[in-house]
Amino acid sequence: MNRLRILLADDHQMVREGLRLLINSQTDMQVAGEAGNGHEVLDRVRELQPEIVVLDLSMPMLNGLQTAALLRAQFPAVKVIALTVHEDECYLLELCKAGAVGYVLKRSAGNALIQAIRVVASGGHYYDPDVAGRALRAKLQDTQGKSEHRQVDLSQREREVLTLLAWGHSNKEIAADLGLSQKTVETYRSRIGEKLNLHSRTEMVQFALHQGWLDQPHPTLRTR
């Protein structure tokens, strides 16, 4: 029996090691190679020609959205499954646009990832049920004009903080990267929320997506 050839793309070696053991324990699949950033993903796919890429959303150099879009353009036969900590439905919607056919949360990896691999290998799509449900509701609200936000000018620092928040970074990570205290980051976050009438990280992600700020390369934190 031919085994599915899978490329693992994650910038954390320990994560890749755990996933490799999980996947190689299956009789119908194997890890053909690994990559630690978006550029390596493209190189490894070109070299190894896997059927499936398990792709972390937050990677250096090229983020998951950009990498998924490039894979679709350059290697349309390769199927992409996003494996991520991000539970905001906006990421799922954007990944679908970029060509991903699977979306698995890291907290529910294991059986869910194995199931996703088998589903997409057979020509289907697998999306985390909870995130997919919220994504559908968000899409319906968007088409009805309920997700519009007031256009308010932000300072450069406020935009930097909002963009990093939208990419899923914690207050602590942002503070270390920008040379600020966590309290200052919290103050910026509150100020942004007041200016734009945004009350959750999901709303901040939606705003950043509407502005096109997440179309830019993922900001590589100096603390990584």
Foldseek 3Di string as FASTA:
>chain_A
DAAAEEEEEAQDPVVVVVVQVLQVVDPRYHYQYYYNALVVVVVCCVVRVGQEYAYEQDGPPAGPLRSLLVCCVPPVRHAYAYEYQDLQLVVVVSSVVSHHQHYHYNVPPRPLVVVQVVQVVVPHGYYDVVSVVVNVVVVVCVVVVNLDWDDDDDDPVLVVLLLCLLVPDDLVLVCVQVVHDSVVSVVSVVVVCVRTVDDDSSSSNVVCVVVVVVVDGDDDGPVD
